[in-house]
Amino acid sequence: MWILRALSFRIYLAVAIPTGAFLIVSGLAITDKLAVNGQMRHLKEQVSFATAAGAIIHELQKERGASSLYLGSKGQQFGPDRETQRTLTDTRLAAVID
């Protein structure tokens, strides 16, 4: 009888130890994946912001160029182009702010 108990205990340990190790390693892997997921979400937000900021900067540079041409012509030319570009810049900026 004592031999059967010892044998069943050994079988129990043979199953329990690898199962416990598997659960611990799985838990660590899941925790790591959740951390990476959070980092990717943060990175996605940063990339979206950088893209929007780049678009705004581009529109501002175009507006600056149109204003420079307008001032260079002493207000004789490029007035409508400058106003159109100002509207585009304001629209792009409003889209990002919202």
PDB file of N, CA and C in Angstrom:
ATOM      1  N   MET A   1       0.807  -1.186   0.000  1.00  0.00           N
ATOM      2  CA  MET A   1       0.000   0.000   0.000  1.00  0.00           C
ATOM      3  C   MET A   1       0.864   1.269   0.000  1.00  0.00           C
ATOM      4  N   TRP A   2       1.904   1.229   0.778  1.00  0.00           N
ATOM      5  CA  TRP A   2       2.813   2.366   0.859  1.00  0.00           C
ATOM      6  C   TRP A   2       3.468   2.632  -0.491  1.00  0.00           C
ATOM      7  N   ILE A   3       3.761   1.595  -1.239  1.00  0.00           N
ATOM      8  CA  ILE A   3       4.384   1.732  -2.553  1.00  0.00           C
ATOM      9  C   ILE A   3       3.413   2.399  -3.518  1.00  0.00           C
ATOM     10  N   LEU A   4       2.137   2.074  -3.438  1.00  0.00           N
ATOM     11  CA  LEU A   4       1.146   2.697  -4.312  1.00  0.00           C
ATOM     12  C   LEU A   4       1.022   4.184  -4.020  1.00  0.00           C
ATOM     13  N   ARG A   5       1.045   4.537  -2.751  1.00  0.00           N
ATOM     14  CA  ARG A   5       0.973   5.958  -2.400  1.00  0.00           C
ATOM     15  C   ARG A   5       2.190   6.702  -2.928  1.00  0.00           C
ATOM     16  N   ALA A   6       3.322   6.116  -2.768  1.00  0.00           N
ATOM     17  CA  ALA A   6       4.543   6.755  -3.247  1.00  0.00           C
ATOM     18  C   ALA A   6       4.511   6.878  -4.769  1.00  0.00           C
ATOM     19  N   LEU A   7       4.025   5.866  -5.437  1.00  0.00           N
ATOM     20  CA  LEU A   7       3.951   5.890  -6.890  1.00  0.00           C
ATOM     21  C   LEU A   7       2.938   6.931  -7.368  1.00  0.00           C
ATOM     22  N   SER A   8       1.784   6.996  -6.724  1.00  0.00           N
ATOM     23  CA  SER A   8       0.786   7.993  -7.130  1.00  0.00           C
ATOM     24  C   SER A   8       1.283   9.411  -6.844  1.00  0.00           C
ATOM     25  N   PHE A   9       2.030   9.586  -5.777  1.00  0.00           N
ATOM     26  CA  PHE A   9       2.596  10.901  -5.472  1.00  0.00           C
ATOM     27  C   PHE A   9       3.632  11.290  -6.520  1.00  0.00           C
ATOM     28  N   ARG A  10       4.423  10.335  -6.954  1.00  0.00           N
ATOM     29  CA  ARG A  10       5.419  10.604  -7.988  1.00  0.00           C
ATOM     30  C   ARG A  10       4.747  10.958  -9.317  1.00  0.00           C
ATOM     31  N   ILE A  11       3.690  10.264  -9.630  1.00  0.00           N
ATOM     32  CA  ILE A  11       2.951  10.588 -10.860  1.00  0.00           C
ATOM     33  C   ILE A  11       2.347  11.989 -10.748  1.00  0.00           C
ATOM     34  N   TYR A  12       1.807  12.295  -9.588  1.00  0.00           N
ATOM     35  CA  TYR A  12       1.248  13.623  -9.351  1.00  0.00           C
ATOM     36  C   TYR A  12       2.318  14.690  -9.547  1.00  0.00           C
ATOM     37  N   LEU A  13       3.486  14.484  -8.978  1.00  0.00           N
ATOM     38  CA  LEU A  13       4.576  15.450  -9.139  1.00  0.00           C
ATOM     39  C   LEU A  13       5.029  15.540 -10.595  1.00  0.00           C
ATOM     40  N   ALA A  14       5.047  14.411 -11.274  1.00  0.00           N
ATOM     41  CA  ALA A  14       5.472  14.405 -12.677  1.00  0.00           C
ATOM     42  C   ALA A  14       4.521  15.224 -13.548  1.00  0.00           C
ATOM     43  N   VAL A  15       3.280  15.324 -13.146  1.00  0.00           N
ATOM     44  CA  VAL A  15       2.306  16.114 -13.893  1.00  0.00           C
ATOM     45  C   VAL A  15       2.234  17.547 -13.357  1.00  0.00           C
ATOM     46  N   ALA A  16       2.280  17.705 -12.063  1.00  0.00           N
ATOM     47  CA  ALA A  16       2.077  19.018 -11.442  1.00  0.00           C
ATOM     48  C   ALA A  16       3.234  19.974 -11.703  1.00  0.00           C
ATOM     49  N   ILE A  17       4.450  19.508 -11.638  1.00  0.00           N
ATOM     50  CA  ILE A  17       5.600  20.406 -11.808  1.00  0.00           C
ATOM     51  C   ILE A  17       5.649  20.990 -13.226  1.00  0.00           C
ATOM     52  N   PRO A  18       5.561  20.191 -14.279  1.00  0.00           N
ATOM     53  CA  PRO A  18       5.561  20.803 -15.619  1.00  0.00           C
ATOM     54  C   PRO A  18       4.339  21.689 -15.870  1.00  0.00           C
ATOM     55  N   THR A  19       3.201  21.294 -15.318  1.00  0.00           N
ATOM     56  CA  THR A  19       1.998  22.112 -15.490  1.00  0.00           C
ATOM     57  C   THR A  19       2.172  23.461 -14.804  1.00  0.00           C
ATOM     58  N   GLY A  20       2.701  23.454 -13.610  1.00  0.00           N
ATOM     59  CA  GLY A  20       2.950  24.714 -12.900  1.00  0.00           C
ATOM     60  C   GLY A  20       3.953  25.586 -13.634  1.00  0.00           C
ATOM     61  N   ALA A  21       5.012  24.976 -14.135  1.00  0.00           N
ATOM     62  CA  ALA A  21       6.011  25.736 -14.891  1.00  0.00           C
ATOM     63  C   ALA A  21       5.391  26.322 -16.159  1.00  0.00           C
ATOM     64  N   PHE A  22       4.561  25.535 -16.823  1.00  0.00           N
ATOM     65  CA  PHE A  22       3.888  26.015 -18.027  1.00  0.00           C
ATOM     66  C   PHE A  22       2.997  27.217 -17.712  1.00  0.00           C
ATOM     67  N   LEU A  23       2.265  27.146 -16.617  1.00  0.00           N
ATOM     68  CA  LEU A  23       1.386  28.253 -16.244  1.00  0.00           C
ATOM     69  C   LEU A  23       2.181  29.514 -15.916  1.00  0.00           C
ATOM     70  N   ILE A  24       3.296  29.357 -15.247  1.00  0.00           N
ATOM     71  CA  ILE A  24       4.127  30.523 -14.907  1.00  0.00           C
ATOM     72  C   ILE A  24       4.703  31.155 -16.171  1.00  0.00           C
ATOM     73  N   VAL A  25       5.258  30.339 -17.049  1.00  0.00           N
ATOM     74  CA  VAL A  25       5.842  30.864 -18.290  1.00  0.00           C
ATOM     75  C   VAL A  25       4.761  31.496 -19.165  1.00  0.00           C
ATOM     76  N   SER A  26       3.601  30.879 -19.225  1.00  0.00           N
ATOM     77  CA  SER A  26       2.497  31.447 -20.011  1.00  0.00           C
ATOM     78  C   SER A  26       2.057  32.792 -19.447  1.00  0.00           C
ATOM     79  N   GLY A  27       1.969  32.882 -18.140  1.00  0.00           N
ATOM     80  CA  GLY A  27       1.593  34.149 -17.510  1.00  0.00           C
ATOM     81  C   GLY A  27       2.596  35.247 -17.803  1.00  0.00           C
ATOM     82  N   LEU A  28       3.875  34.913 -17.756  1.00  0.00           N
ATOM     83  CA  LEU A  28       4.907  35.901 -18.080  1.00  0.00           C
ATOM     84  C   LEU A  28       4.823  36.331 -19.542  1.00  0.00           C
ATOM     85  N   ALA A  29       4.569  35.383 -20.426  1.00  0.00           N
ATOM     86  CA  ALA A  29       4.460  35.713 -21.853  1.00  0.00           C
ATOM     87  C   ALA A  29       3.254  36.613 -22.115  1.00  0.00           C
ATOM     88  N   ILE A  30       2.149  36.318 -21.476  1.00  0.00           N
ATOM     89  CA  ILE A  30       0.944  37.139 -21.658  1.00  0.00           C
ATOM     90  C   ILE A  30       1.181  38.547 -21.123  1.00  0.00           C
ATOM     91  N   THR A  31       1.821  38.654 -19.974  1.00  0.00           N
ATOM     92  CA  THR A  31       2.125  39.964 -19.405  1.00  0.00           C
ATOM     93  C   THR A  31       3.022  40.764 -20.341  1.00  0.00           C
ATOM     94  N   ASP A  32       4.008  40.094 -20.916  1.00  0.00           N
ATOM     95  CA  ASP A  32       4.910  40.757 -21.856  1.00  0.00           C
ATOM     96  C   ASP A  32       4.158  41.228 -23.098  1.00  0.00           C
ATOM     97  N   LYS A  33       3.284  40.399 -23.618  1.00  0.00           N
ATOM     98  CA  LYS A  33       2.510  40.777 -24.812  1.00  0.00           C
ATOM     99  C   LYS A  33       1.581  41.954 -24.518  1.00  0.00           C
ATOM    100  N   LEU A  34       1.007  41.986 -23.339  1.00  0.00           N
ATOM    101  CA  LEU A  34       0.147  43.113 -22.973  1.00  0.00           C
ATOM    102  C   LEU A  34       0.948  44.408 -22.884  1.00  0.00           C
ATOM    103  N   ALA A  35       2.165  44.319 -22.371  1.00  0.00           N
ATOM    104  CA  ALA A  35       3.018  45.507 -22.291  1.00  0.00           C
ATOM    105  C   ALA A  35       3.382  46.000 -23.690  1.00  0.00           C
ATOM    106  N   VAL A  36       3.711  45.084 -24.580  1.00  0.00           N
ATOM    107  CA  VAL A  36       4.042  45.457 -25.959  1.00  0.00           C
ATOM    108  C   VAL A  36       2.822  46.070 -26.643  1.00  0.00           C
ATOM    109  N   ASN A  37       1.653  45.525 -26.383  1.00  0.00           N
ATOM    110  CA  ASN A  37       0.422  46.063 -26.961  1.00  0.00           C
ATOM    111  C   ASN A  37       0.206  47.511 -26.520  1.00  0.00           C
ATOM    112  N   GLY A  38       0.424  47.786 -25.246  1.00  0.00           N
ATOM    113  CA  GLY A  38       0.290  49.155 -24.747  1.00  0.00           C
ATOM    114  C   GLY A  38       1.296  50.092 -25.388  1.00  0.00           C
ATOM    115  N   GLN A  39       2.517  49.613 -25.573  1.00  0.00           N
ATOM    116  CA  GLN A  39       3.541  50.433 -26.218  1.00  0.00           C
ATOM    117  C   GLN A  39       3.178  50.716 -27.674  1.00  0.00           C
ATOM    118  N   MET A  40       2.623  49.736 -28.352  1.00  0.00           N
ATOM    119  CA  MET A  40       2.240  49.931 -29.758  1.00  0.00           C
ATOM    120  C   MET A  40       1.097  50.938 -29.885  1.00  0.00           C
ATOM    121  N   ARG A  41       0.174  50.900 -28.954  1.00  0.00           N
ATOM    122  CA  ARG A  41      -0.917  51.889 -28.980  1.00  0.00           C
ATOM    123  C   ARG A  41      -0.366  53.295 -28.794  1.00  0.00           C
ATOM    124  N   HIS A  42       0.569  53.434 -27.869  1.00  0.00           N
ATOM    125  CA  HIS A  42       1.183  54.741 -27.625  1.00  0.00           C
ATOM    126  C   HIS A  42       1.957  55.196 -28.864  1.00  0.00           C
ATOM    127  N   LEU A  43       2.678  54.287 -29.480  1.00  0.00           N
ATOM    128  CA  LEU A  43       3.435  54.615 -30.686  1.00  0.00           C
ATOM    129  C   LEU A  43       2.502  55.026 -31.822  1.00  0.00           C
ATOM    130  N   LYS A  44       1.374  54.350 -31.932  1.00  0.00           N
ATOM    131  CA  LYS A  44       0.402  54.689 -32.976  1.00  0.00           C
ATOM    132  C   LYS A  44      -0.107  56.118 -32.785  1.00  0.00           C
ATOM    133  N   GLU A  45      -0.374  56.501 -31.546  1.00  0.00           N
ATOM    134  CA  GLU A  45      -0.822  57.868 -31.268  1.00  0.00           C
ATOM    135  C   GLU A  45       0.261  58.880 -31.631  1.00  0.00           C
ATOM    136  N   GLN A  46       1.501  58.562 -31.309  1.00  0.00           N
ATOM    137  CA  GLN A  46       2.596  59.472 -31.617  1.00  0.00           C
ATOM    138  C   GLN A  46       2.788  59.625 -33.123  1.00  0.00           C
ATOM    139  N   VAL A  47       2.667  58.525 -33.859  1.00  0.00           N
ATOM    140  CA  VAL A  47       2.820  58.586 -35.315  1.00  0.00           C
ATOM    141  C   VAL A  47       1.685  59.400 -35.930  1.00  0.00           C
ATOM    142  N   SER A  48       0.481  59.209 -35.435  1.00  0.00           N
ATOM    143  CA  SER A  48      -0.654  59.991 -35.942  1.00  0.00           C
ATOM    144  C   SER A  48      -0.445  61.476 -35.692  1.00  0.00           C
ATOM    145  N   PHE A  49       0.031  61.808 -34.505  1.00  0.00           N
ATOM    146  CA  PHE A  49       0.289  63.212 -34.186  1.00  0.00           C
ATOM    147  C   PHE A  49       1.394  63.779 -35.071  1.00  0.00           C
ATOM    148  N   ALA A  50       2.460  63.013 -35.265  1.00  0.00           N
ATOM    149  CA  ALA A  50       3.573  63.492 -36.093  1.00  0.00           C
ATOM    150  C   ALA A  50       3.129  63.698 -37.539  1.00  0.00           C
ATOM    151  N   THR A  51       2.293  62.815 -38.042  1.00  0.00           N
ATOM    152  CA  THR A  51       1.783  62.955 -39.407  1.00  0.00           C
ATOM    153  C   THR A  51       0.935  64.214 -39.537  1.00  0.00           C
ATOM    154  N   ALA A  52       0.054  64.424 -38.569  1.00  0.00           N
ATOM    155  CA  ALA A  52      -0.799  65.619 -38.600  1.00  0.00           C
ATOM    156  C   ALA A  52       0.039  66.889 -38.454  1.00  0.00           C
ATOM    157  N   ALA A  53       1.025  66.852 -37.574  1.00  0.00           N
ATOM    158  CA  ALA A  53       1.890  68.022 -37.388  1.00  0.00           C
ATOM    159  C   ALA A  53       2.668  68.318 -38.666  1.00  0.00           C
ATOM    160  N   GLY A  54       3.135  67.278 -39.338  1.00  0.00           N
ATOM    161  CA  GLY A  54       3.849  67.471 -40.599  1.00  0.00           C
ATOM    162  C   GLY A  54       2.967  68.101 -41.663  1.00  0.00           C
ATOM    163  N   ALA A  55       1.708  67.676 -41.711  1.00  0.00           N
ATOM    164  CA  ALA A  55       0.773  68.250 -42.686  1.00  0.00           C
ATOM    165  C   ALA A  55       0.510  69.724 -42.387  1.00  0.00           C
ATOM    166  N   ILE A  56       0.377  70.048 -41.105  1.00  0.00           N
ATOM    167  CA  ILE A  56       0.158  71.454 -40.727  1.00  0.00           C
ATOM    168  C   ILE A  56       1.384  72.291 -41.082  1.00  0.00           C
ATOM    169  N   ILE A  57       2.551  71.773 -40.781  1.00  0.00           N
ATOM    170  CA  ILE A  57       3.783  72.508 -41.088  1.00  0.00           C
ATOM    171  C   ILE A  57       3.905  72.742 -42.587  1.00  0.00           C
ATOM    172  N   HIS A  58       3.549  71.738 -43.366  1.00  0.00           N
ATOM    173  CA  HIS A  58       3.614  71.892 -44.821  1.00  0.00           C
ATOM    174  C   HIS A  58       2.674  73.003 -45.298  1.00  0.00           C
ATOM    175  N   GLU A  59       1.457  73.008 -44.777  1.00  0.00           N
ATOM    176  CA  GLU A  59       0.502  74.052 -45.164  1.00  0.00           C
ATOM    177  C   GLU A  59       0.990  75.433 -44.718  1.00  0.00           C
ATOM    178  N   LEU A  60       1.583  75.503 -43.534  1.00  0.00           N
ATOM    179  CA  LEU A  60       2.113  76.786 -43.060  1.00  0.00           C
ATOM    180  C   LEU A  60       3.260  77.278 -43.943  1.00  0.00           C
ATOM    181  N   GLN A  61       4.082  76.358 -44.398  1.00  0.00           N
ATOM    182  CA  GLN A  61       5.174  76.752 -45.289  1.00  0.00           C
ATOM    183  C   GLN A  61       4.638  77.254 -46.626  1.00  0.00           C
ATOM    184  N   LYS A  62       3.606  76.602 -47.122  1.00  0.00           N
ATOM    185  CA  LYS A  62       2.996  77.074 -48.365  1.00  0.00           C
ATOM    186  C   LYS A  62       2.369  78.456 -48.161  1.00  0.00           C
ATOM    187  N   GLU A  63       1.752  78.657 -47.003  1.00  0.00           N
ATOM    188  CA  GLU A  63       1.165  79.969 -46.710  1.00  0.00           C
ATOM    189  C   GLU A  63       2.257  81.030 -46.601  1.00  0.00           C
ATOM    190  N   ARG A  64       3.351  80.671 -45.970  1.00  0.00           N
ATOM    191  CA  ARG A  64       4.465  81.613 -45.859  1.00  0.00           C
ATOM    192  C   ARG A  64       4.988  81.993 -47.242  1.00  0.00           C
ATOM    193  N   GLY A  65       5.099  80.998 -48.132  1.00  0.00           N
ATOM    194  CA  GLY A  65       5.557  81.280 -49.495  1.00  0.00           C
ATOM    195  C   GLY A  65       4.604  82.196 -50.237  1.00  0.00           C
ATOM    196  N   ALA A  66       3.309  81.936 -50.094  1.00  0.00           N
ATOM    197  CA  ALA A  66       2.315  82.786 -50.759  1.00  0.00           C
ATOM    198  C   ALA A  66       2.362  84.204 -50.195  1.00  0.00           C
ATOM    199  N   SER A  67       2.540  84.325 -48.888  1.00  0.00           N
ATOM    200  CA  SER A  67       2.627  85.656 -48.278  1.00  0.00           C
ATOM    201  C   SER A  67       3.882  86.381 -48.736  1.00  0.00           C
ATOM    202  N   SER A  68       4.962  85.639 -48.879  1.00  0.00           N
ATOM    203  CA  SER A  68       6.209  86.242 -49.348  1.00  0.00           C
ATOM    204  C   SER A  68       6.054  86.775 -50.773  1.00  0.00           C
ATOM    205  N   LEU A  69       5.398  85.989 -51.621  1.00  0.00           N
ATOM    206  CA  LEU A  69       5.156  86.451 -52.992  1.00  0.00           C
ATOM    207  C   LEU A  69       4.240  87.675 -53.002  1.00  0.00           C
ATOM    208  N   TYR A  70       3.246  87.655 -52.156  1.00  0.00           N
ATOM    209  CA  TYR A  70       2.310  88.779 -52.072  1.00  0.00           C
ATOM    210  C   TYR A  70       3.038  90.048 -51.627  1.00  0.00           C
ATOM    211  N   LEU A  71       3.856  89.907 -50.591  1.00  0.00           N
ATOM    212  CA  LEU A  71       4.592  91.076 -50.101  1.00  0.00           C
ATOM    213  C   LEU A  71       5.658  91.525 -51.099  1.00  0.00           C
ATOM    214  N   GLY A  72       6.266  90.557 -51.789  1.00  0.00           N
ATOM    215  CA  GLY A  72       7.278  90.897 -52.787  1.00  0.00           C
ATOM    216  C   GLY A  72       6.696  91.689 -53.946  1.00  0.00           C
ATOM    217  N   SER A  73       5.435  91.448 -54.234  1.00  0.00           N
ATOM    218  CA  SER A  73       4.782  92.190 -55.320  1.00  0.00           C
ATOM    219  C   SER A  73       4.122  93.461 -54.800  1.00  0.00           C
ATOM    220  N   LYS A  74       4.374  93.775 -53.531  1.00  0.00           N
ATOM    221  CA  LYS A  74       3.802  94.954 -52.869  1.00  0.00           C
ATOM    222  C   LYS A  74       2.278  94.948 -52.915  1.00  0.00           C
ATOM    223  N   GLY A  75       1.716  93.751 -52.768  1.00  0.00           N
ATOM    224  CA  GLY A  75       0.268  93.610 -52.705  1.00  0.00           C
ATOM    225  C   GLY A  75      -0.433  93.664 -54.048  1.00  0.00           C
ATOM    226  N   GLN A  76       0.333  93.645 -55.128  1.00  0.00           N
ATOM    227  CA  GLN A  76      -0.263  93.739 -56.458  1.00  0.00           C
ATOM    228  C   GLN A  76      -0.668  92.372 -57.015  1.00  0.00           C
ATOM    229  N   GLN A  77      -0.006  91.309 -56.569  1.00  0.00           N
ATOM    230  CA  GLN A  77      -0.272  89.972 -57.100  1.00  0.00           C
ATOM    231  C   GLN A  77      -0.389  88.972 -55.948  1.00  0.00           C
ATOM    232  N   PHE A  78      -0.906  87.816 -56.271  1.00  0.00           N
ATOM    233  CA  PHE A  78      -0.967  86.656 -55.367  1.00  0.00           C
ATOM    234  C   PHE A  78      -1.883  86.844 -54.161  1.00  0.00           C
ATOM    235  N   GLY A  79      -2.704  87.860 -54.162  1.00  0.00           N
ATOM    236  CA  GLY A  79      -3.649  88.061 -53.057  1.00  0.00           C
ATOM    237  C   GLY A  79      -4.640  86.913 -52.926  1.00  0.00           C
ATOM    238  N   PRO A  80      -5.318  86.536 -54.019  1.00  0.00           N
ATOM    239  CA  PRO A  80      -6.268  85.417 -53.920  1.00  0.00           C
ATOM    240  C   PRO A  80      -5.581  84.089 -53.568  1.00  0.00           C
ATOM    241  N   ASP A  81      -4.380  83.884 -54.106  1.00  0.00           N
ATOM    242  CA  ASP A  81      -3.648  82.651 -53.785  1.00  0.00           C
ATOM    243  C   ASP A  81      -3.311  82.591 -52.295  1.00  0.00           C
ATOM    244  N   ARG A  82      -2.934  83.724 -51.770  1.00  0.00           N
ATOM    245  CA  ARG A  82      -2.589  83.789 -50.347  1.00  0.00           C
ATOM    246  C   ARG A  82      -3.814  83.504 -49.482  1.00  0.00           C
ATOM    247  N   GLU A  83      -4.946  84.063 -49.842  1.00  0.00           N
ATOM    248  CA  GLU A  83      -6.174  83.829 -49.072  1.00  0.00           C
ATOM    249  C   GLU A  83      -6.627  82.372 -49.174  1.00  0.00           C
ATOM    250  N   THR A  84      -6.496  81.802 -50.366  1.00  0.00           N
ATOM    251  CA  THR A  84      -6.851  80.390 -50.536  1.00  0.00           C
ATOM    252  C   THR A  84      -5.962  79.514 -49.663  1.00  0.00           C
ATOM    253  N   GLN A  85      -4.680  79.808 -49.658  1.00  0.00           N
ATOM    254  CA  GLN A  85      -3.756  79.022 -48.848  1.00  0.00           C
ATOM    255  C   GLN A  85      -4.016  79.222 -47.360  1.00  0.00           C
ATOM    256  N   ARG A  86      -4.369  80.418 -46.972  1.00  0.00           N
ATOM    257  CA  ARG A  86      -4.688  80.673 -45.562  1.00  0.00           C
ATOM    258  C   ARG A  86      -5.901  79.841 -45.137  1.00  0.00           C
ATOM    259  N   THR A  87      -6.887  79.753 -46.016  1.00  0.00           N
ATOM    260  CA  THR A  87      -8.072  78.942 -45.727  1.00  0.00           C
ATOM    261  C   THR A  87      -7.705  77.461 -45.601  1.00  0.00           C
ATOM    262  N   LEU A  88      -6.851  76.986 -46.506  1.00  0.00           N
ATOM    263  CA  LEU A  88      -6.409  75.588 -46.429  1.00  0.00           C
ATOM    264  C   LEU A  88      -5.653  75.314 -45.128  1.00  0.00           C
ATOM    265  N   THR A  89      -4.815  76.242 -44.737  1.00  0.00           N
ATOM    266  CA  THR A  89      -4.059  76.087 -43.490  1.00  0.00           C
ATOM    267  C   THR A  89      -4.999  76.053 -42.294  1.00  0.00           C
ATOM    268  N   ASP A  90      -5.951  76.966 -42.276  1.00  0.00           N
ATOM    269  CA  ASP A  90      -6.909  77.005 -41.164  1.00  0.00           C
ATOM    270  C   ASP A  90      -7.739  75.724 -41.104  1.00  0.00           C
ATOM    271  N   THR A  91      -8.117  75.212 -42.268  1.00  0.00           N
ATOM    272  CA  THR A  91      -8.899  73.976 -42.314  1.00  0.00           C
ATOM    273  C   THR A  91      -8.094  72.803 -41.770  1.00  0.00           C
ATOM    274  N   ARG A  92      -6.841  72.703 -42.187  1.00  0.00           N
ATOM    275  CA  ARG A  92      -5.976  71.609 -41.725  1.00  0.00           C
ATOM    276  C   ARG A  92      -5.740  71.711 -40.222  1.00  0.00           C
ATOM    277  N   LEU A  93      -5.541  72.916 -39.741  1.00  0.00           N
ATOM    278  CA  LEU A  93      -5.315  73.125 -38.311  1.00  0.00           C
ATOM    279  C   LEU A  93      -6.569  72.794 -37.504  1.00  0.00           C
ATOM    280  N   ALA A  94      -7.725  73.192 -37.999  1.00  0.00           N
ATOM    281  CA  ALA A  94      -8.983  72.899 -37.299  1.00  0.00           C
ATOM    282  C   ALA A  94      -9.242  71.396 -37.240  1.00  0.00           C
ATOM    283  N   ALA A  95      -8.865  70.677 -38.297  1.00  0.00           N
ATOM    284  CA  ALA A  95      -9.071  69.224 -38.310  1.00  0.00           C
ATOM    285  C   ALA A  95      -8.224  68.538 -37.242  1.00  0.00           C
ATOM    286  N   VAL A  96      -7.043  69.049 -37.002  1.00  0.00           N
ATOM    287  CA  VAL A  96      -6.166  68.437 -35.995  1.00  0.00           C
ATOM    288  C   VAL A  96      -6.607  68.815 -34.586  1.00  0.00           C
ATOM    289  N   ILE A  97      -7.041  70.037 -34.407  1.00  0.00           N
ATOM    290  CA  ILE A  97      -7.451  70.493 -33.075  1.00  0.00           C
ATOM    291  C   ILE A  97      -8.700  69.755 -32.616  1.00  0.00           C
ATOM    292  N   ASP A  98      -9.598  69.468 -33.535  1.00  0.00           N
ATOM    293  CA  ASP A  98     -10.828  68.742 -33.173  1.00  0.00           C
ATOM    294  C   ASP A  98     -10.481  67.331 -32.899  1.00  0.00           C
TER     295      ASP A  98
END
